[in-house]
Amino acid sequence: MKATEQTLQQIDRALRKTAEKFPSTEEATQMTDIHLRVTQESGELVAFDDDDRELMRCVVEQWIDNKDDDFYTEVASLLRQRIEGMKTLLDSLSILKPFSFVLEDDDREVQEELYMVDDDIALLPPLSLDNLDSDLDEFLDHLLKS
């Protein structure tokens, strides 16, 4: 699914609205993760805190009735990309660290951890583990030859 400009704007607006709930000018006192729940049938994107309090709700028109089997994988990739583009804003939220942005489906099942911040470290999962075995084997061979 190739995201339209309107979709990108809707996601960016949703992330900014969520960030407004945790202004960086306030001292971090709340401990929570941000749960982004996407409903494939309605195209809804809703942000919740750990206590299931709604922080933001919008409809991404391009996602309405999307029947793609890899819908959540594509949405996760797109959300991760948009979050990375707002890294400075999202890293400064008044939330106690570590905190994460997590993608959930409409059944509240976690699909992916999108972004995690822990003090000065920000992680954008998933780490590529595709060639981990061969990389470790190569490293070990190099180490043993030395």
C-alpha atoms as a PDB file:
ATOM      1  CA  MET A   1       0.000   0.000   0.000  1.00  0.00           C
ATOM      2  CA  LYS A   2       1.489   3.299  -1.102  1.00  0.00           C
ATOM      3  CA  ALA A   3       0.454   5.985   1.359  1.00  0.00           C
ATOM      4  CA  THR A   4      -1.185   9.054  -0.103  1.00  0.00           C
ATOM      5  CA  GLU A   5      -0.189  12.566   0.931  1.00  0.00           C
ATOM      6  CA  GLN A   6      -3.512  12.841   2.778  1.00  0.00           C
ATOM      7  CA  THR A   7      -2.716   9.679   4.760  1.00  0.00           C
ATOM      8  CA  LEU A   8       0.698  11.032   5.735  1.00  0.00           C
ATOM      9  CA  GLN A   9      -0.870  14.310   6.866  1.00  0.00           C
ATOM     10  CA  GLN A  10      -3.538  12.479   8.894  1.00  0.00           C
ATOM     11  CA  ILE A  11      -0.923  10.357  10.668  1.00  0.00           C
ATOM     12  CA  ASP A  12       1.285  13.369  11.383  1.00  0.00           C
ATOM     13  CA  ARG A  13      -1.678  15.321  12.747  1.00  0.00           C
ATOM     14  CA  ALA A  14      -2.667  12.353  14.940  1.00  0.00           C
ATOM     15  CA  LEU A  15       0.844  12.047  16.360  1.00  0.00           C
ATOM     16  CA  ARG A  16       1.002  15.793  17.075  1.00  0.00           C
ATOM     17  CA  LYS A  17      -2.411  15.656  18.816  1.00  0.00           C
ATOM     18  CA  THR A  18      -1.171  12.778  20.941  1.00  0.00           C
ATOM     19  CA  ALA A  19       2.009  14.694  21.806  1.00  0.00           C
ATOM     20  CA  GLU A  20      -0.103  17.680  22.913  1.00  0.00           C
ATOM     21  CA  LYS A  21      -1.447  15.525  25.767  1.00  0.00           C
ATOM     22  CA  PHE A  22       2.082  15.341  27.200  1.00  0.00           C
ATOM     23  CA  PRO A  23       3.592  18.831  26.720  1.00  0.00           C
ATOM     24  CA  SER A  24       7.353  18.949  27.116  1.00  0.00           C
ATOM     25  CA  THR A  25       7.072  22.029  29.334  1.00  0.00           C
ATOM     26  CA  GLU A  26       5.661  19.915  32.172  1.00  0.00           C
ATOM     27  CA  GLU A  27       7.777  17.739  34.432  1.00  0.00           C
ATOM     28  CA  ALA A  28       7.517  14.066  33.548  1.00  0.00           C
ATOM     29  CA  THR A  29       5.275  12.533  36.182  1.00  0.00           C
ATOM     30  CA  GLN A  30       3.144  10.084  34.235  1.00  0.00           C
ATOM     31  CA  MET A  31       4.326   6.581  33.499  1.00  0.00           C
ATOM     32  CA  THR A  32       2.681   5.164  30.389  1.00  0.00           C
ATOM     33  CA  ASP A  33       3.156   3.797  26.923  1.00  0.00           C
ATOM     34  CA  ILE A  34       1.279   5.111  23.912  1.00  0.00           C
ATOM     35  CA  HIS A  35      -0.912   2.450  22.320  1.00  0.00           C
ATOM     36  CA  LEU A  36      -1.869   3.138  18.716  1.00  0.00           C
ATOM     37  CA  ARG A  37      -4.891   1.013  17.851  1.00  0.00           C
ATOM     38  CA  VAL A  38      -5.770   0.627  14.181  1.00  0.00           C
ATOM     39  CA  THR A  39      -9.054  -0.852  12.970  1.00  0.00           C
ATOM     40  CA  GLN A  40      -8.821  -2.304   9.498  1.00  0.00           C
ATOM     41  CA  GLU A  41     -12.550  -2.082   8.700  1.00  0.00           C
ATOM     42  CA  SER A  42     -13.181   1.506   9.782  1.00  0.00           C
ATOM     43  CA  GLY A  43      -9.722   2.964   9.186  1.00  0.00           C
ATOM     44  CA  GLU A  44      -9.711   4.359  12.709  1.00  0.00           C
ATOM     45  CA  LEU A  45      -6.445   5.258  14.374  1.00  0.00           C
ATOM     46  CA  VAL A  46      -6.854   5.756  18.118  1.00  0.00           C
ATOM     47  CA  ALA A  47      -4.179   6.522  20.697  1.00  0.00           C
ATOM     48  CA  PHE A  48      -4.577   5.294  24.279  1.00  0.00           C
ATOM     49  CA  ASP A  49      -2.493   5.395  27.412  1.00  0.00           C
ATOM     50  CA  ASP A  50      -1.861   2.368  29.640  1.00  0.00           C
ATOM     51  CA  ASP A  51      -5.142   2.973  31.490  1.00  0.00           C
ATOM     52  CA  ASP A  52      -7.102   2.804  28.215  1.00  0.00           C
ATOM     53  CA  ARG A  53      -7.856   6.534  28.300  1.00  0.00           C
ATOM     54  CA  GLU A  54      -8.340   7.819  24.785  1.00  0.00           C
ATOM     55  CA  LEU A  55      -5.796  10.457  23.818  1.00  0.00           C
ATOM     56  CA  MET A  56      -6.720  10.975  20.159  1.00  0.00           C
ATOM     57  CA  ARG A  57      -8.973   9.514  17.474  1.00  0.00           C
ATOM     58  CA  CYS A  58      -9.004   9.967  13.712  1.00  0.00           C
ATOM     59  CA  VAL A  59      -9.993   8.084  10.570  1.00  0.00           C
ATOM     60  CA  VAL A  60      -7.413   7.393   7.897  1.00  0.00           C
ATOM     61  CA  GLU A  61      -9.584   7.177   4.808  1.00  0.00           C
ATOM     62  CA  GLN A  62      -7.089   5.113   2.821  1.00  0.00           C
ATOM     63  CA  TRP A  63      -7.293   2.362   5.469  1.00  0.00           C
ATOM     64  CA  ILE A  64     -11.099   1.995   5.401  1.00  0.00           C
ATOM     65  CA  ASP A  65     -12.060  -1.568   4.380  1.00  0.00           C
ATOM     66  CA  ASN A  66      -8.457  -2.423   3.530  1.00  0.00           C
ATOM     67  CA  LYS A  67      -8.376  -6.208   3.080  1.00  0.00           C
ATOM     68  CA  ASP A  68      -4.616  -6.650   2.625  1.00  0.00           C
ATOM     69  CA  ASP A  69      -3.196  -9.621   4.522  1.00  0.00           C
ATOM     70  CA  ASP A  70      -0.112  -7.622   5.439  1.00  0.00           C
ATOM     71  CA  PHE A  71      -2.108  -4.551   6.505  1.00  0.00           C
ATOM     72  CA  TYR A  72      -0.619  -4.288  10.005  1.00  0.00           C
ATOM     73  CA  THR A  73       2.918  -4.821   8.734  1.00  0.00           C
ATOM     74  CA  GLU A  74       2.494  -1.984   6.240  1.00  0.00           C
ATOM     75  CA  VAL A  75       0.799   0.273   8.800  1.00  0.00           C
ATOM     76  CA  ALA A  76       3.602  -0.442  11.311  1.00  0.00           C
ATOM     77  CA  SER A  77       6.239   0.497   8.755  1.00  0.00           C
ATOM     78  CA  LEU A  78       4.402   3.701   7.852  1.00  0.00           C
ATOM     79  CA  LEU A  79       3.816   4.699  11.496  1.00  0.00           C
ATOM     80  CA  ARG A  80       7.441   3.979  12.353  1.00  0.00           C
ATOM     81  CA  GLN A  81       8.562   6.202   9.471  1.00  0.00           C
ATOM     82  CA  ARG A  82       6.301   9.072  10.578  1.00  0.00           C
ATOM     83  CA  ILE A  83       7.351   8.669  14.232  1.00  0.00           C
ATOM     84  CA  GLU A  84      11.004   8.788  13.216  1.00  0.00           C
ATOM     85  CA  GLY A  85      10.298  12.045  11.377  1.00  0.00           C
ATOM     86  CA  MET A  86       8.883  13.508  14.619  1.00  0.00           C
ATOM     87  CA  LYS A  87      11.580  12.054  16.830  1.00  0.00           C
ATOM     88  CA  THR A  88      12.530  15.378  18.446  1.00  0.00           C
ATOM     89  CA  LEU A  89       8.936  16.153  19.419  1.00  0.00           C
ATOM     90  CA  LEU A  90       8.131  12.638  20.626  1.00  0.00           C
ATOM     91  CA  ASP A  91      11.362  12.236  22.604  1.00  0.00           C
ATOM     92  CA  SER A  92      10.471  15.323  24.639  1.00  0.00           C
ATOM     93  CA  LEU A  93       7.059  14.160  25.842  1.00  0.00           C
ATOM     94  CA  SER A  94       6.486  14.593  29.574  1.00  0.00           C
ATOM     95  CA  ILE A  95       6.317  10.845  30.140  1.00  0.00           C
ATOM     96  CA  LEU A  96       8.664   9.006  32.467  1.00  0.00           C
ATOM     97  CA  LYS A  97      11.221   7.021  30.523  1.00  0.00           C
ATOM     98  CA  PRO A  98      11.343   4.369  29.256  1.00  0.00           C
ATOM     99  CA  PHE A  99       8.178   4.605  27.191  1.00  0.00           C
ATOM    100  CA  SER A 100       7.068   3.081  23.919  1.00  0.00           C
ATOM    101  CA  PHE A 101       4.724   3.559  21.013  1.00  0.00           C
ATOM    102  CA  VAL A 102       2.989   0.239  20.415  1.00  0.00           C
ATOM    103  CA  LEU A 103       0.764  -0.783  17.480  1.00  0.00           C
ATOM    104  CA  GLU A 104      -2.345  -2.793  18.373  1.00  0.00           C
ATOM    105  CA  ASP A 105      -5.077  -4.289  16.239  1.00  0.00           C
ATOM    106  CA  ASP A 106      -8.776  -3.740  16.904  1.00  0.00           C
ATOM    107  CA  ASP A 107      -8.757  -6.737  19.289  1.00  0.00           C
ATOM    108  CA  ARG A 108      -6.145  -4.968  21.436  1.00  0.00           C
ATOM    109  CA  GLU A 109      -3.497  -7.473  20.423  1.00  0.00           C
ATOM    110  CA  VAL A 110      -0.012  -5.980  20.176  1.00  0.00           C
ATOM    111  CA  GLN A 111       1.209  -6.185  16.593  1.00  0.00           C
ATOM    112  CA  GLU A 112       4.554  -4.419  16.961  1.00  0.00           C
ATOM    113  CA  GLU A 113       6.527  -2.115  19.186  1.00  0.00           C
ATOM    114  CA  LEU A 114       7.054   0.893  16.951  1.00  0.00           C
ATOM    115  CA  TYR A 115       9.364   3.100  18.962  1.00  0.00           C
ATOM    116  CA  MET A 116      10.969   3.031  22.391  1.00  0.00           C
ATOM    117  CA  VAL A 117      12.705   5.823  24.267  1.00  0.00           C
ATOM    118  CA  ASP A 118      14.898   5.216  27.300  1.00  0.00           C
ATOM    119  CA  ASP A 119      16.708   8.329  28.543  1.00  0.00           C
ATOM    120  CA  ASP A 120      19.233   9.199  25.835  1.00  0.00           C
ATOM    121  CA  ILE A 121      18.564   6.072  23.791  1.00  0.00           C
ATOM    122  CA  ALA A 122      15.852   5.836  21.177  1.00  0.00           C
ATOM    123  CA  LEU A 123      15.184   2.547  19.463  1.00  0.00           C
ATOM    124  CA  LEU A 124      13.250   1.983  16.283  1.00  0.00           C
ATOM    125  CA  PRO A 125      12.453  -1.736  16.173  1.00  0.00           C
ATOM    126  CA  PRO A 126      12.556  -4.151  14.530  1.00  0.00           C
ATOM    127  CA  LEU A 127      16.259  -4.743  14.385  1.00  0.00           C
ATOM    128  CA  SER A 128      17.229  -6.648  11.301  1.00  0.00           C
ATOM    129  CA  LEU A 129      18.010 -10.162  12.398  1.00  0.00           C
ATOM    130  CA  ASP A 130      17.819 -11.678   8.928  1.00  0.00           C
ATOM    131  CA  ASN A 131      21.549 -12.345   8.617  1.00  0.00           C
ATOM    132  CA  LEU A 132      22.377 -12.564  12.303  1.00  0.00           C
ATOM    133  CA  ASP A 133      23.599 -16.180  12.194  1.00  0.00           C
ATOM    134  CA  SER A 134      25.894 -15.596   9.242  1.00  0.00           C
ATOM    135  CA  ASP A 135      27.155 -12.301  10.703  1.00  0.00           C
ATOM    136  CA  LEU A 136      27.958 -13.991  14.022  1.00  0.00           C
ATOM    137  CA  ASP A 137      29.651 -16.904  12.231  1.00  0.00           C
ATOM    138  CA  GLU A 138      31.742 -14.474  10.200  1.00  0.00           C
ATOM    139  CA  PHE A 139      32.648 -12.522  13.328  1.00  0.00           C
ATOM    140  CA  LEU A 140      33.636 -15.703  15.165  1.00  0.00           C
ATOM    141  CA  ASP A 141      35.754 -16.910  12.220  1.00  0.00           C
ATOM    142  CA  HIS A 142      37.524 -13.553  12.122  1.00  0.00           C
ATOM    143  CA  LEU A 143      38.061 -13.636  15.877  1.00  0.00           C
ATOM    144  CA  LEU A 144      39.484 -17.165  15.820  1.00  0.00           C
ATOM    145  CA  LYS A 145      41.881 -16.317  12.981  1.00  0.00           C
ATOM    146  CA  SER A 146      43.306 -13.399  14.974  1.00  0.00           C
END
